[in-house]
Amino acid sequence: STYYKDSVKGRFTISRDRARNTVNLQMNSLK
């Protein structure tokens, strides 16, 4: 389950990689 600050919704994506025990933040359309 993911949750975002309003101003980054639709631009940022948080995801998990269980195999590597990492969490990523993909940021698009940076301002």
PDB file of all heavy atoms in Angstrom:
ATOM      1  N   SER A   1       0.844  -1.202   0.000  1.00  0.00           N
ATOM      2  CA  SER A   1       0.000   0.000   0.000  1.00  0.00           C
ATOM      3  C   SER A   1       0.874   1.246   0.000  1.00  0.00           C
ATOM      4  O   SER A   1       1.865   1.315   0.720  1.00  0.00           O
ATOM      5  CB  SER A   1      -0.901   0.010   1.232  1.00  0.00           C
ATOM      6  OG  SER A   1      -1.784  -1.082   1.219  1.00  0.00           O
ATOM      7  N   THR A   2       0.486   2.226  -0.817  1.00  0.00           N
ATOM      8  CA  THR A   2       1.290   3.434  -0.961  1.00  0.00           C
ATOM      9  C   THR A   2       0.492   4.687  -0.614  1.00  0.00           C
ATOM     10  O   THR A   2      -0.735   4.722  -0.756  1.00  0.00           O
ATOM     11  CB  THR A   2       1.822   3.561  -2.396  1.00  0.00           C
ATOM     12  OG1 THR A   2       0.725   3.552  -3.313  1.00  0.00           O
ATOM     13  CG2 THR A   2       2.767   2.413  -2.728  1.00  0.00           C
ATOM     14  N   TYR A   3       1.207   5.704  -0.196  1.00  0.00           N
ATOM     15  CA  TYR A   3       0.607   6.961   0.232  1.00  0.00           C
ATOM     16  C   TYR A   3       1.519   8.095  -0.225  1.00  0.00           C
ATOM     17  O   TYR A   3       2.746   7.951  -0.203  1.00  0.00           O
ATOM     18  CB  TYR A   3       0.452   6.974   1.757  1.00  0.00           C
ATOM     19  CG  TYR A   3      -0.276   5.760   2.258  1.00  0.00           C
ATOM     20  CD1 TYR A   3       0.422   4.586   2.541  1.00  0.00           C
ATOM     21  CD2 TYR A   3      -1.658   5.756   2.403  1.00  0.00           C
ATOM     22  CE1 TYR A   3      -0.235   3.444   2.945  1.00  0.00           C
ATOM     23  CE2 TYR A   3      -2.321   4.616   2.818  1.00  0.00           C
ATOM     24  CZ  TYR A   3      -1.611   3.465   3.080  1.00  0.00           C
ATOM     25  OH  TYR A   3      -2.265   2.332   3.474  1.00  0.00           O
ATOM     26  N   TYR A   4       0.911   9.208  -0.627  1.00  0.00           N
ATOM     27  CA  TYR A   4       1.695  10.303  -1.212  1.00  0.00           C
ATOM     28  C   TYR A   4       1.253  11.657  -0.680  1.00  0.00           C
ATOM     29  O   TYR A   4       0.083  11.881  -0.361  1.00  0.00           O
ATOM     30  CB  TYR A   4       1.534  10.313  -2.731  1.00  0.00           C
ATOM     31  CG  TYR A   4       2.076   9.086  -3.411  1.00  0.00           C
ATOM     32  CD1 TYR A   4       1.241   8.014  -3.711  1.00  0.00           C
ATOM     33  CD2 TYR A   4       3.417   8.997  -3.748  1.00  0.00           C
ATOM     34  CE1 TYR A   4       1.733   6.884  -4.334  1.00  0.00           C
ATOM     35  CE2 TYR A   4       3.922   7.860  -4.376  1.00  0.00           C
ATOM     36  CZ  TYR A   4       3.073   6.816  -4.664  1.00  0.00           C
ATOM     37  OH  TYR A   4       3.577   5.691  -5.286  1.00  0.00           O
ATOM     38  N   LYS A   5       2.199  12.561  -0.660  1.00  0.00           N
ATOM     39  CA  LYS A   5       1.882  13.979  -0.472  1.00  0.00           C
ATOM     40  C   LYS A   5       1.119  14.432  -1.709  1.00  0.00           C
ATOM     41  O   LYS A   5       1.428  14.010  -2.834  1.00  0.00           O
ATOM     42  CB  LYS A   5       3.196  14.762  -0.339  1.00  0.00           C
ATOM     43  CG  LYS A   5       3.075  16.256  -0.260  1.00  0.00           C
ATOM     44  CD  LYS A   5       4.450  16.888  -0.167  1.00  0.00           C
ATOM     45  CE  LYS A   5       4.366  18.396  -0.263  1.00  0.00           C
ATOM     46  NZ  LYS A   5       3.594  18.986   0.844  1.00  0.00           N
ATOM     47  N   ASP A   6       0.142  15.276  -1.520  1.00  0.00           N
ATOM     48  CA  ASP A   6      -0.719  15.673  -2.632  1.00  0.00           C
ATOM     49  C   ASP A   6       0.064  16.247  -3.811  1.00  0.00           C
ATOM     50  O   ASP A   6      -0.248  15.964  -4.976  1.00  0.00           O
ATOM     51  CB  ASP A   6      -1.756  16.699  -2.162  1.00  0.00           C
ATOM     52  CG  ASP A   6      -2.860  16.063  -1.337  1.00  0.00           C
ATOM     53  OD1 ASP A   6      -2.973  14.814  -1.330  1.00  0.00           O
ATOM     54  OD2 ASP A   6      -3.614  16.812  -0.688  1.00  0.00           O
ATOM     55  N   SER A   7       1.064  17.047  -3.532  1.00  0.00           N
ATOM     56  CA  SER A   7       1.760  17.739  -4.618  1.00  0.00           C
ATOM     57  C   SER A   7       2.639  16.813  -5.471  1.00  0.00           C
ATOM     58  O   SER A   7       3.115  17.229  -6.532  1.00  0.00           O
ATOM     59  CB  SER A   7       2.622  18.876  -4.061  1.00  0.00           C
ATOM     60  OG  SER A   7       3.651  18.363  -3.227  1.00  0.00           O
ATOM     61  N   VAL A   8       2.850  15.572  -5.039  1.00  0.00           N
ATOM     62  CA  VAL A   8       3.664  14.653  -5.834  1.00  0.00           C
ATOM     63  C   VAL A   8       2.831  13.525  -6.439  1.00  0.00           C
ATOM     64  O   VAL A   8       3.364  12.724  -7.218  1.00  0.00           O
ATOM     65  CB  VAL A   8       4.825  14.055  -5.011  1.00  0.00           C
ATOM     66  CG1 VAL A   8       5.646  15.161  -4.362  1.00  0.00           C
ATOM     67  CG2 VAL A   8       4.338  13.053  -3.980  1.00  0.00           C
ATOM     68  N   LYS A   9       1.552  13.459  -6.100  1.00  0.00           N
ATOM     69  CA  LYS A   9       0.696  12.410  -6.667  1.00  0.00           C
ATOM     70  C   LYS A   9       0.681  12.512  -8.176  1.00  0.00           C
ATOM     71  O   LYS A   9       0.549  13.590  -8.745  1.00  0.00           O
ATOM     72  CB  LYS A   9      -0.728  12.543  -6.121  1.00  0.00           C
ATOM     73  CG  LYS A   9      -0.898  12.052  -4.702  1.00  0.00           C
ATOM     74  CD  LYS A   9      -2.346  12.212  -4.254  1.00  0.00           C
ATOM     75  CE  LYS A   9      -2.514  11.744  -2.824  1.00  0.00           C
ATOM     76  NZ  LYS A   9      -3.902  11.941  -2.340  1.00  0.00           N
ATOM     77  N   GLY A  10       0.831  11.376  -8.842  1.00  0.00           N
ATOM     78  CA  GLY A  10       0.855  11.350 -10.289  1.00  0.00           C
ATOM     79  C   GLY A  10       2.225  11.600 -10.887  1.00  0.00           C
ATOM     80  O   GLY A  10       2.445  11.353 -12.076  1.00  0.00           O
ATOM     81  N   ARG A  11       3.159  12.086 -10.072  1.00  0.00           N
ATOM     82  CA  ARG A  11       4.525  12.325 -10.559  1.00  0.00           C
ATOM     83  C   ARG A  11       5.532  11.376  -9.908  1.00  0.00           C
ATOM     84  O   ARG A  11       6.489  10.964 -10.564  1.00  0.00           O
ATOM     85  CB  ARG A  11       4.951  13.768 -10.271  1.00  0.00           C
ATOM     86  CG  ARG A  11       4.100  14.822 -10.944  1.00  0.00           C
ATOM     87  CD  ARG A  11       4.724  16.200 -10.807  1.00  0.00           C
ATOM     88  NE  ARG A  11       4.860  16.638  -9.424  1.00  0.00           N
ATOM     89  CZ  ARG A  11       6.015  16.983  -8.874  1.00  0.00           C
ATOM     90  NH1 ARG A  11       7.139  16.931  -9.559  1.00  0.00           N
ATOM     91  NH2 ARG A  11       6.047  17.386  -7.606  1.00  0.00           N
ATOM     92  N   PHE A  12       5.320  11.070  -8.639  1.00  0.00           N
ATOM     93  CA  PHE A  12       6.244  10.214  -7.897  1.00  0.00           C
ATOM     94  C   PHE A  12       5.599   8.847  -7.670  1.00  0.00           C
ATOM     95  O   PHE A  12       4.389   8.737  -7.463  1.00  0.00           O
ATOM     96  CB  PHE A  12       6.569  10.817  -6.537  1.00  0.00           C
ATOM     97  CG  PHE A  12       7.442  12.053  -6.584  1.00  0.00           C
ATOM     98  CD1 PHE A  12       7.696  12.729  -7.769  1.00  0.00           C
ATOM     99  CD2 PHE A  12       7.995  12.546  -5.412  1.00  0.00           C
ATOM    100  CE1 PHE A  12       8.483  13.861  -7.785  1.00  0.00           C
ATOM    101  CE2 PHE A  12       8.786  13.674  -5.414  1.00  0.00           C
ATOM    102  CZ  PHE A  12       9.036  14.340  -6.610  1.00  0.00           C
ATOM    103  N   THR A  13       6.436   7.818  -7.683  1.00  0.00           N
ATOM    104  CA  THR A  13       5.975   6.462  -7.398  1.00  0.00           C
ATOM    105  C   THR A  13       6.950   5.796  -6.438  1.00  0.00           C
ATOM    106  O   THR A  13       8.143   5.714  -6.723  1.00  0.00           O
ATOM    107  CB  THR A  13       5.878   5.621  -8.674  1.00  0.00           C
ATOM    108  OG1 THR A  13       4.987   6.251  -9.601  1.00  0.00           O
ATOM    109  CG2 THR A  13       5.356   4.226  -8.351  1.00  0.00           C
ATOM    110  N   ILE A  14       6.421   5.337  -5.314  1.00  0.00           N
ATOM    111  CA  ILE A  14       7.231   4.591  -4.361  1.00  0.00           C
ATOM    112  C   ILE A  14       6.962   3.112  -4.571  1.00  0.00           C
ATOM    113  O   ILE A  14       5.815   2.697  -4.779  1.00  0.00           O
ATOM    114  CB  ILE A  14       6.933   5.029  -2.905  1.00  0.00           C
ATOM    115  CG1 ILE A  14       7.922   4.389  -1.932  1.00  0.00           C
ATOM    116  CG2 ILE A  14       5.496   4.738  -2.511  1.00  0.00           C
ATOM    117  CD1 ILE A  14       7.830   4.957  -0.515  1.00  0.00           C
ATOM    118  N   SER A  15       8.013   2.325  -4.541  1.00  0.00           N
ATOM    119  CA  SER A  15       7.852   0.888  -4.781  1.00  0.00           C
ATOM    120  C   SER A  15       8.870   0.119  -3.948  1.00  0.00           C
ATOM    121  O   SER A  15       9.859   0.685  -3.482  1.00  0.00           O
ATOM    122  CB  SER A  15       8.030   0.565  -6.262  1.00  0.00           C
ATOM    123  OG  SER A  15       9.338   0.906  -6.700  1.00  0.00           O
ATOM    124  N   ARG A  16       8.607  -1.169  -3.776  1.00  0.00           N
ATOM    125  CA  ARG A  16       9.508  -2.001  -2.989  1.00  0.00           C
ATOM    126  C   ARG A  16      10.066  -3.130  -3.847  1.00  0.00           C
ATOM    127  O   ARG A  16       9.400  -3.621  -4.746  1.00  0.00           O
ATOM    128  CB  ARG A  16       8.781  -2.576  -1.771  1.00  0.00           C
ATOM    129  CG  ARG A  16       7.758  -3.657  -2.093  1.00  0.00           C
ATOM    130  CD  ARG A  16       6.833  -3.871  -0.920  1.00  0.00           C
ATOM    131  NE  ARG A  16       6.056  -5.098  -0.971  1.00  0.00           N
ATOM    132  CZ  ARG A  16       4.978  -5.300  -1.723  1.00  0.00           C
ATOM    133  NH1 ARG A  16       4.582  -4.370  -2.550  1.00  0.00           N
ATOM    134  NH2 ARG A  16       4.321  -6.449  -1.660  1.00  0.00           N
ATOM    135  N   ASP A  17      11.283  -3.496  -3.539  1.00  0.00           N
ATOM    136  CA  ASP A  17      11.912  -4.650  -4.175  1.00  0.00           C
ATOM    137  C   ASP A  17      12.266  -5.606  -3.044  1.00  0.00           C
ATOM    138  O   ASP A  17      13.272  -5.427  -2.364  1.00  0.00           O
ATOM    139  CB  ASP A  17      13.161  -4.216  -4.946  1.00  0.00           C
ATOM    140  CG  ASP A  17      13.812  -5.367  -5.686  1.00  0.00           C
ATOM    141  OD1 ASP A  17      13.648  -6.540  -5.259  1.00  0.00           O
ATOM    142  OD2 ASP A  17      14.511  -5.110  -6.675  1.00  0.00           O
ATOM    143  N   ARG A  18      11.414  -6.585  -2.842  1.00  0.00           N
ATOM    144  CA  ARG A  18      11.595  -7.478  -1.698  1.00  0.00           C
ATOM    145  C   ARG A  18      12.884  -8.270  -1.794  1.00  0.00           C
ATOM    146  O   ARG A  18      13.559  -8.490  -0.796  1.00  0.00           O
ATOM    147  CB  ARG A  18      10.395  -8.416  -1.592  1.00  0.00           C
ATOM    148  CG  ARG A  18       9.157  -7.757  -1.041  1.00  0.00           C
ATOM    149  CD  ARG A  18       8.060  -8.752  -0.830  1.00  0.00           C
ATOM    150  NE  ARG A  18       6.982  -8.212  -0.035  1.00  0.00           N
ATOM    151  CZ  ARG A  18       5.907  -8.892   0.309  1.00  0.00           C
ATOM    152  NH1 ARG A  18       5.769 -10.143  -0.082  1.00  0.00           N
ATOM    153  NH2 ARG A  18       4.967  -8.336   1.049  1.00  0.00           N
ATOM    154  N   ALA A  19      13.221  -8.696  -2.979  1.00  0.00           N
ATOM    155  CA  ALA A  19      14.411  -9.523  -3.137  1.00  0.00           C
ATOM    156  C   ALA A  19      15.669  -8.769  -2.714  1.00  0.00           C
ATOM    157  O   ALA A  19      16.610  -9.353  -2.172  1.00  0.00           O
ATOM    158  CB  ALA A  19      14.533  -9.998  -4.577  1.00  0.00           C
ATOM    159  N   ARG A  20      15.681  -7.457  -2.972  1.00  0.00           N
ATOM    160  CA  ARG A  20      16.867  -6.653  -2.663  1.00  0.00           C
ATOM    161  C   ARG A  20      16.691  -5.845  -1.398  1.00  0.00           C
ATOM    162  O   ARG A  20      17.589  -5.079  -1.036  1.00  0.00           O
ATOM    163  CB  ARG A  20      17.171  -5.723  -3.837  1.00  0.00           C
ATOM    164  CG  ARG A  20      17.480  -6.468  -5.125  1.00  0.00           C
ATOM    165  CD  ARG A  20      17.798  -5.516  -6.256  1.00  0.00           C
ATOM    166  NE  ARG A  20      18.109  -6.237  -7.482  1.00  0.00           N
ATOM    167  CZ  ARG A  20      18.443  -5.648  -8.623  1.00  0.00           C
ATOM    168  NH1 ARG A  20      18.524  -4.345  -8.687  1.00  0.00           N
ATOM    169  NH2 ARG A  20      18.703  -6.383  -9.682  1.00  0.00           N
ATOM    170  N   ASN A  21      15.523  -5.985  -0.743  1.00  0.00           N
ATOM    171  CA  ASN A  21      15.238  -5.246   0.487  1.00  0.00           C
ATOM    172  C   ASN A  21      15.452  -3.746   0.289  1.00  0.00           C
ATOM    173  O   ASN A  21      16.076  -3.077   1.123  1.00  0.00           O
ATOM    174  CB  ASN A  21      16.095  -5.758   1.645  1.00  0.00           C
ATOM    175  CG  ASN A  21      15.433  -5.519   2.985  1.00  0.00           C
ATOM    176  OD1 ASN A  21      14.212  -5.410   3.082  1.00  0.00           O
ATOM    177  ND2 ASN A  21      16.235  -5.410   4.025  1.00  0.00           N
ATOM    178  N   THR A  22      14.946  -3.251  -0.810  1.00  0.00           N
ATOM    179  CA  THR A  22      15.075  -1.832  -1.109  1.00  0.00           C
ATOM    180  C   THR A  22      13.709  -1.217  -1.373  1.00  0.00           C
ATOM    181  O   THR A  22      12.739  -1.908  -1.684  1.00  0.00           O
ATOM    182  CB  THR A  22      15.966  -1.589  -2.334  1.00  0.00           C
ATOM    183  OG1 THR A  22      15.367  -2.230  -3.471  1.00  0.00           O
ATOM    184  CG2 THR A  22      17.359  -2.125  -2.128  1.00  0.00           C
ATOM    185  N   VAL A  23      13.677   0.087  -1.244  1.00  0.00           N
ATOM    186  CA  VAL A  23      12.509   0.871  -1.603  1.00  0.00           C
ATOM    187  C   VAL A  23      12.982   1.986  -2.519  1.00  0.00           C
ATOM    188  O   VAL A  23      13.975   2.655  -2.230  1.00  0.00           O
ATOM    189  CB  VAL A  23      11.821   1.454  -0.357  1.00  0.00           C
ATOM    190  CG1 VAL A  23      10.758   2.470  -0.754  1.00  0.00           C
ATOM    191  CG2 VAL A  23      11.195   0.342   0.460  1.00  0.00           C
ATOM    192  N   ASN A  24      12.281   2.165  -3.605  1.00  0.00           N
ATOM    193  CA  ASN A  24      12.660   3.174  -4.587  1.00  0.00           C
ATOM    194  C   ASN A  24      11.618   4.281  -4.657  1.00  0.00           C
ATOM    195  O   ASN A  24      10.436   4.051  -4.391  1.00  0.00           O
ATOM    196  CB  ASN A  24      12.808   2.545  -5.965  1.00  0.00           C
ATOM    197  CG  ASN A  24      13.916   1.521  -6.006  1.00  0.00           C
ATOM    198  OD1 ASN A  24      14.989   1.718  -5.444  1.00  0.00           O
ATOM    199  ND2 ASN A  24      13.659   0.402  -6.668  1.00  0.00           N
ATOM    200  N   LEU A  25      12.073   5.452  -5.047  1.00  0.00           N
ATOM    201  CA  LEU A  25      11.171   6.579  -5.299  1.00  0.00           C
ATOM    202  C   LEU A  25      11.456   7.074  -6.710  1.00  0.00           C
ATOM    203  O   LEU A  25      12.479   7.715  -6.950  1.00  0.00           O
ATOM    204  CB  LEU A  25      11.374   7.704  -4.286  1.00  0.00           C
ATOM    205  CG  LEU A  25      10.408   8.878  -4.419  1.00  0.00           C
ATOM    206  CD1 LEU A  25       8.983   8.425  -4.047  1.00  0.00           C
ATOM    207  CD2 LEU A  25      10.836  10.044  -3.537  1.00  0.00           C
ATOM    208  N   GLN A  26      10.556   6.721  -7.626  1.00  0.00           N
ATOM    209  CA  GLN A  26      10.667   7.175  -9.001  1.00  0.00           C
ATOM    210  C   GLN A  26      10.011   8.545  -9.093  1.00  0.00           C
ATOM    211  O   GLN A  26       8.827   8.685  -8.756  1.00  0.00           O
ATOM    212  CB  GLN A  26       9.973   6.190  -9.949  1.00  0.00           C
ATOM    213  CG  GLN A  26       9.839   6.682 -11.383  1.00  0.00           C
ATOM    214  CD  GLN A  26      11.169   6.763 -12.100  1.00  0.00           C
ATOM    215  OE1 GLN A  26      12.010   5.883 -11.951  1.00  0.00           O
ATOM    216  NE2 GLN A  26      11.370   7.827 -12.876  1.00  0.00           N
ATOM    217  N   MET A  27      10.770   9.530  -9.546  1.00  0.00           N
ATOM    218  CA  MET A  27      10.265  10.903  -9.604  1.00  0.00           C
ATOM    219  C   MET A  27      10.271  11.376 -11.056  1.00  0.00           C
ATOM    220  O   MET A  27      11.324  11.403 -11.698  1.00  0.00           O
ATOM    221  CB  MET A  27      11.143  11.815  -8.745  1.00  0.00           C
ATOM    222  CG  MET A  27      11.250  11.364  -7.299  1.00  0.00           C
ATOM    223  SD  MET A  27      12.296  12.448  -6.302  1.00  0.00           S
ATOM    224  CE  MET A  27      13.892  12.093  -7.030  1.00  0.00           C
ATOM    225  N   ASN A  28       9.107  11.717 -11.552  1.00  0.00           N
ATOM    226  CA  ASN A  28       8.956  12.212 -12.920  1.00  0.00           C
ATOM    227  C   ASN A  28       8.487  13.659 -12.913  1.00  0.00           C
ATOM    228  O   ASN A  28       7.980  14.161 -11.901  1.00  0.00           O
ATOM    229  CB  ASN A  28       7.949  11.352 -13.679  1.00  0.00           C
ATOM    230  CG  ASN A  28       8.376   9.907 -13.792  1.00  0.00           C
ATOM    231  OD1 ASN A  28       9.560   9.599 -13.935  1.00  0.00           O
ATOM    232  ND2 ASN A  28       7.418   9.000 -13.726  1.00  0.00           N
ATOM    233  N   SER A  29       8.660  14.320 -14.038  1.00  0.00           N
ATOM    234  CA  SER A  29       8.191  15.707 -14.198  1.00  0.00           C
ATOM    235  C   SER A  29       8.642  16.571 -13.033  1.00  0.00           C
ATOM    236  O   SER A  29       7.847  17.291 -12.421  1.00  0.00           O
ATOM    237  CB  SER A  29       6.660  15.728 -14.322  1.00  0.00           C
ATOM    238  OG  SER A  29       6.234  14.939 -15.407  1.00  0.00           O
ATOM    239  N   LEU A  30       9.911  16.512 -12.730  1.00  0.00           N
ATOM    240  CA  LEU A  30      10.432  17.214 -11.567  1.00  0.00           C
ATOM    241  C   LEU A  30      10.272  18.724 -11.726  1.00  0.00           C
ATOM    242  O   LEU A  30      10.406  19.285 -12.825  1.00  0.00           O
ATOM    243  CB  LEU A  30      11.893  16.846 -11.340  1.00  0.00           C
ATOM    244  CG  LEU A  30      12.083  15.461 -10.707  1.00  0.00           C
ATOM    245  CD1 LEU A  30      13.515  14.980 -10.866  1.00  0.00           C
ATOM    246  CD2 LEU A  30      11.666  15.483  -9.250  1.00  0.00           C
ATOM    247  N   LYS A  31       9.991  19.373 -10.605  1.00  0.00           N
ATOM    248  CA  LYS A  31       9.783  20.812 -10.566  1.00  0.00           C
ATOM    249  C   LYS A  31      10.832  21.467  -9.677  1.00  0.00           C
ATOM    250  O   LYS A  31      11.456  20.810  -8.839  1.00  0.00           O
ATOM    251  CB  LYS A  31       8.383  21.108 -10.017  1.00  0.00           C
ATOM    252  CG  LYS A  31       7.250  20.467 -10.800  1.00  0.00           C
ATOM    253  CD  LYS A  31       5.917  20.765 -10.148  1.00  0.00           C
ATOM    254  CE  LYS A  31       4.772  20.134 -10.931  1.00  0.00           C
ATOM    255  NZ  LYS A  31       3.454  20.425 -10.306  1.00  0.00           N
TER     256      LYS A  31
END
